[in-house]
Protein backbone atom coordinates (compact mmCIF):
# COMPACT_ATOMS: atom_id res chain seq x y z
CA MET A 1 12.23 18.80 19.83
CA LEU A 2 12.02 22.45 20.87
CA VAL A 3 9.13 24.58 19.58
CA THR A 4 8.42 28.25 20.26
CA GLY A 5 4.72 28.54 19.54
CA GLU A 6 5.33 30.45 16.32
CA GLU A 7 5.23 27.39 14.09
CA ALA A 8 2.42 26.87 11.60
CA PRO A 9 -0.33 24.52 12.86
CA GLU A 10 0.28 22.18 9.92
CA TYR A 11 3.97 21.92 10.83
CA ARG A 12 3.22 21.14 14.48
CA ARG A 13 0.61 18.57 13.46
CA ALA A 14 3.06 16.84 11.11
CA LEU A 15 5.71 16.78 13.85
CA ALA A 16 3.24 15.29 16.31
CA GLU A 17 2.19 12.60 13.83
CA GLN A 18 5.79 11.65 13.01
CA MET A 19 6.72 11.50 16.68
CA ALA A 20 3.71 9.29 17.41
CA VAL A 21 4.89 6.86 14.74
CA GLY A 22 8.45 6.94 16.11
CA ARG A 23 7.25 6.32 19.67
CA ALA A 24 5.10 3.40 18.51
CA ILE A 25 8.09 1.77 16.80
CA LEU A 26 10.53 2.30 19.68
CA THR A 27 8.02 1.22 22.33
CA GLY A 28 7.04 -1.80 20.25
CA LEU A 29 10.68 -2.87 20.06
CA GLY A 30 10.95 -2.63 23.84
CA TYR A 31 13.07 0.50 24.20
CA ALA A 32 12.11 2.13 27.51
CA GLY A 33 11.62 5.83 28.17
CA THR A 34 10.47 8.85 26.20
CA HIS A 35 12.55 9.16 23.06
CA LEU A 36 10.57 11.82 21.24
CA ALA A 37 8.69 14.82 22.63
CA LEU A 38 7.80 18.41 21.83
CA ILE A 39 9.18 20.92 24.35
CA GLU A 40 7.47 24.32 24.42
CA ALA A 41 9.60 27.40 25.13
CA ARG A 42 7.94 30.63 24.07
CA ASP A 43 9.98 33.09 26.13
CA ALA A 44 11.76 33.51 29.49
CA ARG A 45 8.63 32.43 31.35
CA ASP A 46 9.17 28.87 30.10
CA LEU A 47 12.86 28.58 31.00
CA ALA A 48 12.18 26.69 34.23
CA ALA A 49 10.02 24.14 32.42
CA LEU A 50 12.59 23.90 29.65
CA ASP A 51 15.38 23.24 32.13
CA PHE A 52 13.29 20.56 33.85
CA ALA A 53 12.53 18.87 30.53
CA LEU A 54 16.18 18.89 29.48
CA ARG A 55 17.21 17.30 32.79
CA SER A 56 14.84 14.34 32.42
CA ALA A 57 16.37 10.87 32.42
CA PRO A 58 17.57 9.72 28.99
CA ALA A 59 15.58 7.04 27.20
CA GLN A 60 17.00 3.61 26.52
CA GLY A 61 19.17 3.43 23.42
CA VAL A 62 20.98 0.78 21.41
CA LYS A 63 24.06 -0.97 22.79
CA THR A 64 26.08 -0.53 19.62
CA ALA A 65 26.11 2.64 17.55
CA ALA A 66 25.04 2.40 13.93
CA GLY A 67 27.79 2.12 11.34
CA PHE A 68 25.84 2.88 8.17
CA ALA A 69 26.17 6.10 6.18
CA VAL A 70 23.30 8.43 5.39
CA GLN A 71 21.78 7.48 2.04
CA ALA A 72 20.71 9.77 -0.79
CA GLY A 73 17.07 8.79 -0.22
CA LYS A 74 15.51 9.56 3.18
CA ARG A 75 13.48 6.36 3.11
CA ASP A 76 16.60 4.29 2.43
CA THR A 77 18.24 5.81 5.50
CA LEU A 78 15.10 5.14 7.53
CA GLU A 79 15.12 1.48 6.45
CA LEU A 80 18.73 1.11 7.64
CA ALA A 81 17.87 2.76 10.96
CA ILE A 82 14.92 0.43 11.53
CA ASP A 83 17.01 -2.63 10.69
CA HIS A 84 19.62 -1.46 13.21
CA LEU A 85 17.02 -0.81 15.92
CA ALA A 86 15.31 -4.15 15.31
CA ALA A 87 18.61 -6.06 15.40
CA GLN A 88 19.33 -4.76 18.94
CA ALA A 89 15.76 -4.53 20.20
CA PRO A 90 15.18 -5.56 23.83
CA GLN A 91 11.92 -7.16 22.71
CA ALA A 92 11.61 -9.08 19.43
CA ARG A 93 8.40 -8.35 17.53
CA ASP A 94 7.04 -9.58 14.22
CA GLU A 95 4.52 -6.76 13.88
CA ILE A 96 4.06 -3.30 15.37
CA THR A 97 0.77 -1.47 14.87
CA LEU A 98 1.30 2.16 13.83
CA PRO A 99 -1.00 5.20 14.17
CA ALA A 100 -3.05 5.74 11.03
CA ALA A 101 -2.13 9.43 10.81
CA GLY A 102 1.23 9.87 9.13
CA ALA A 103 2.19 6.18 9.06
CA PRO A 104 4.98 5.69 6.49
CA PHE A 105 4.74 1.89 6.54
CA GLY A 106 1.94 -0.59 6.30
CA SER A 107 0.13 -3.36 4.55
CA LEU A 108 -3.05 -3.65 2.49
CA VAL A 109 -6.05 -5.85 3.15
CA VAL A 110 -7.84 -6.87 -0.05
CA ASP A 111 -11.41 -8.16 0.06
CA THR A 112 -11.00 -11.01 -2.41
CA ALA A 113 -14.78 -11.41 -2.68
CA LYS A 114 -14.99 -7.89 -4.17
CA CYS A 115 -11.67 -7.66 -6.04
CA THR A 116 -11.97 -8.35 -9.78
CA LEU A 117 -8.22 -7.97 -10.39
CA CYS A 118 -8.82 -5.03 -12.70
CA LEU A 119 -5.38 -3.79 -11.52
CA SER A 120 -6.43 -0.14 -11.32
CA CYS A 121 -4.54 -0.04 -8.03
CA VAL A 122 -1.31 -1.12 -9.74
CA GLY A 123 -1.46 1.85 -12.10
CA ALA A 124 -2.26 4.24 -9.24
CA CYS A 125 0.56 3.15 -6.91
CA PRO A 126 3.39 5.75 -7.05
CA GLU A 127 5.94 3.55 -5.25
CA SER A 128 5.67 0.24 -7.16
CA ALA A 129 4.36 -1.47 -4.04
CA LEU A 130 1.66 -3.17 -6.13
CA ALA A 131 2.33 -5.23 -9.24
CA ASP A 132 0.62 -7.76 -11.45
CA ASN A 133 1.88 -11.15 -12.60
CA PRO A 134 2.27 -11.38 -16.38
CA ASP A 135 1.74 -15.15 -16.23
CA LEU A 136 -1.21 -15.42 -13.81
CA PRO A 137 -4.15 -13.26 -12.68
CA GLN A 138 -2.55 -12.05 -9.45
CA LEU A 139 -2.15 -8.88 -7.42
CA ARG A 140 1.27 -8.82 -5.75
CA PHE A 141 2.52 -6.53 -3.02
CA ILE A 142 5.92 -5.48 -1.65
CA GLU A 143 5.23 -4.04 1.79
CA LYS A 144 8.57 -2.24 2.09
CA ASN A 145 7.59 0.06 -0.77
CA CYS A 146 4.16 1.01 0.59
CA VAL A 147 3.91 4.56 1.98
CA GLN A 148 0.21 4.26 2.98
CA CYS A 149 -0.78 7.10 0.65
CA GLY A 150 -4.19 5.53 0.03
CA LEU A 151 -4.25 6.10 -3.74
CA CYS A 152 -4.88 2.40 -4.35
CA ALA A 153 -7.89 2.36 -2.02
CA GLY A 154 -9.26 5.56 -3.54
CA THR A 155 -8.82 4.24 -7.09
CA CYS A 156 -10.31 0.77 -6.54
CA PRO A 157 -13.74 0.73 -8.27
CA GLU A 158 -14.90 -2.11 -6.04
CA GLN A 159 -13.74 -0.47 -2.79
CA ALA A 160 -11.95 -3.71 -1.96
CA ILE A 161 -8.74 -2.25 -0.44
CA THR A 162 -8.19 -1.21 3.17
CA LEU A 163 -4.97 0.29 4.54
CA GLN A 164 -3.30 -1.44 7.50
CA PRO A 165 -0.65 0.83 9.09
CA ARG A 166 2.05 -1.34 10.65
CA LEU A 167 5.74 -2.17 10.72
CA TRP A 168 6.19 -5.81 9.74
CA LEU A 169 9.44 -7.32 11.00
CA ALA A 170 8.82 -11.03 10.45
CA ASP A 171 11.72 -13.15 9.27
CA GLY A 172 14.23 -10.53 10.33
CA GLY A 173 12.51 -7.89 8.19
CA ARG A 174 13.01 -9.88 5.00
CA ALA A 175 9.31 -10.72 4.66
CA ARG A 176 8.32 -7.10 4.05
CA LYS A 177 10.90 -6.83 1.27
CA THR A 178 9.56 -9.84 -0.65
CA ALA A 179 6.58 -9.76 -3.03
CA ARG A 180 3.55 -11.67 -1.81
CA VAL A 181 0.16 -12.37 -3.37
CA LEU A 182 -2.78 -10.36 -2.03
CA ALA A 183 -5.39 -11.64 -4.48
CA GLN A 184 -5.58 -14.15 -7.29
CA ALA A 185 -8.26 -15.74 -9.43
CA GLU A 186 -8.88 -18.34 -12.07
CA PRO A 187 -8.37 -16.97 -15.59
CA TYR A 188 -11.40 -16.79 -17.85
CA ARG A 189 -10.98 -18.80 -21.05
CA CYS A 190 -12.19 -17.62 -24.42
CA ILE A 191 -15.25 -19.61 -25.55
CA ARG A 192 -13.86 -19.73 -29.09
CA CYS A 193 -10.12 -20.53 -28.74
CA SER A 194 -9.84 -21.36 -25.00
CA LYS A 195 -7.04 -18.81 -24.55
CA PRO A 196 -7.08 -17.31 -21.03
CA PHE A 197 -7.91 -13.62 -20.77
CA GLY A 198 -9.02 -11.59 -17.78
CA THR A 199 -10.45 -13.33 -14.76
CA LEU A 200 -13.63 -15.30 -14.22
CA GLN A 201 -14.91 -12.74 -11.72
CA ALA A 202 -14.07 -9.72 -13.91
CA VAL A 203 -15.69 -11.14 -17.04
CA GLU A 204 -18.80 -12.20 -15.15
CA ALA A 205 -19.05 -8.74 -13.60
CA MET A 206 -18.72 -7.15 -17.06
CA ILE A 207 -21.42 -9.41 -18.51
CA GLY A 208 -23.69 -8.64 -15.57
CA ARG A 209 -23.33 -4.89 -16.04
CA LEU A 210 -23.68 -4.90 -19.84
CA GLY A 211 -26.20 -7.71 -20.19
CA ALA A 212 -29.23 -5.42 -20.33
CA HIS A 213 -27.67 -2.95 -22.78
CA PRO A 214 -29.20 -3.17 -26.29
CA ALA A 215 -25.74 -3.05 -27.91
CA PHE A 216 -24.74 -6.29 -26.20
CA GLN A 217 -27.44 -8.71 -27.24
CA GLY A 218 -27.22 -11.91 -29.30
CA ALA A 219 -23.84 -12.36 -31.01
CA ALA A 220 -22.50 -9.21 -29.36
CA ALA A 221 -23.19 -10.72 -25.95
CA GLU A 222 -21.26 -13.85 -26.91
CA ARG A 223 -18.27 -11.73 -27.95
CA LEU A 224 -17.94 -10.51 -24.36
CA ARG A 225 -16.87 -14.06 -23.60
CA MET A 226 -14.16 -14.02 -26.28
CA CYS A 227 -10.58 -12.79 -26.20
CA GLY A 228 -9.69 -9.66 -28.19
CA ASP A 229 -8.46 -11.61 -31.22
CA CYS A 230 -11.51 -13.83 -31.47
CA ARG A 231 -13.89 -10.87 -31.18
CA VAL A 232 -12.35 -9.31 -34.28
CA ILE A 233 -12.40 -12.63 -36.17
CA ASP A 234 -16.03 -13.26 -35.22
CA ILE A 235 -17.12 -9.82 -36.39
CA HIS A 236 -15.46 -10.18 -39.82
CA THR A 237 -16.56 -13.78 -40.43
CA ASN A 238 -20.16 -13.49 -39.29
CA PRO A 239 -22.34 -13.23 -42.44
CA ALA A 240 -25.17 -11.70 -40.44
CA GLU A 241 -23.00 -8.85 -39.21
CA VAL A 242 -24.06 -5.43 -40.53
CA ARG A 243 -21.23 -3.77 -42.47
CA ILE A 244 -20.78 -0.14 -43.37
CA THR A 245 -21.09 -1.04 -47.07
CA ASP A 246 -24.60 -2.29 -46.36
CA LEU A 247 -25.78 1.11 -45.12
């Protein structure tokens, strides 16, 4: 790409980051040569260097031109381009490590010893890359949707999430498009009705943090181990419970 030196520093930095990601992908797939570079041409003094750069040998390309149409979404077009490059790659790879700066793809590493499955990260994710499981205490992840924005890691109260910039091409690229489980836990069962609610780790963490608080002593402490329904029932059926009419 040709630059003149008049571009804003932020623009040049973004270009450099995007080109670094592109070079990592193309090199990782085995395409030889320099496919992406910034060429500086400020004025007539740089014409010789510009001419030399333009005469450099072309980088290795694909054998068959792409036949897909440009999509309405830029990321959808990028996905089609990557599938096309990977299908004709000189070197098959399951995983390509990407630079952390500006990486548009990647995975997440969850420290399961810290994660309480509070699912704060699910609510923070703007691309639906993270999701829960309505039937089980699980954190699920679709890598194709992840843009490595870092909102999940910044939101996690346990600091259990780490970004992993990469392009995952296992199983012909289908693996990154399929939801997989990053963390799961045994459900905690209500001590009154045995209905599962929350997770064992989350409830134990809650009890540990609130155990010394004067409002959560005695019967109130036991209600922390109950589901929402049983807490209400226990409050209204406990004869020792202080009611507003008693005040």
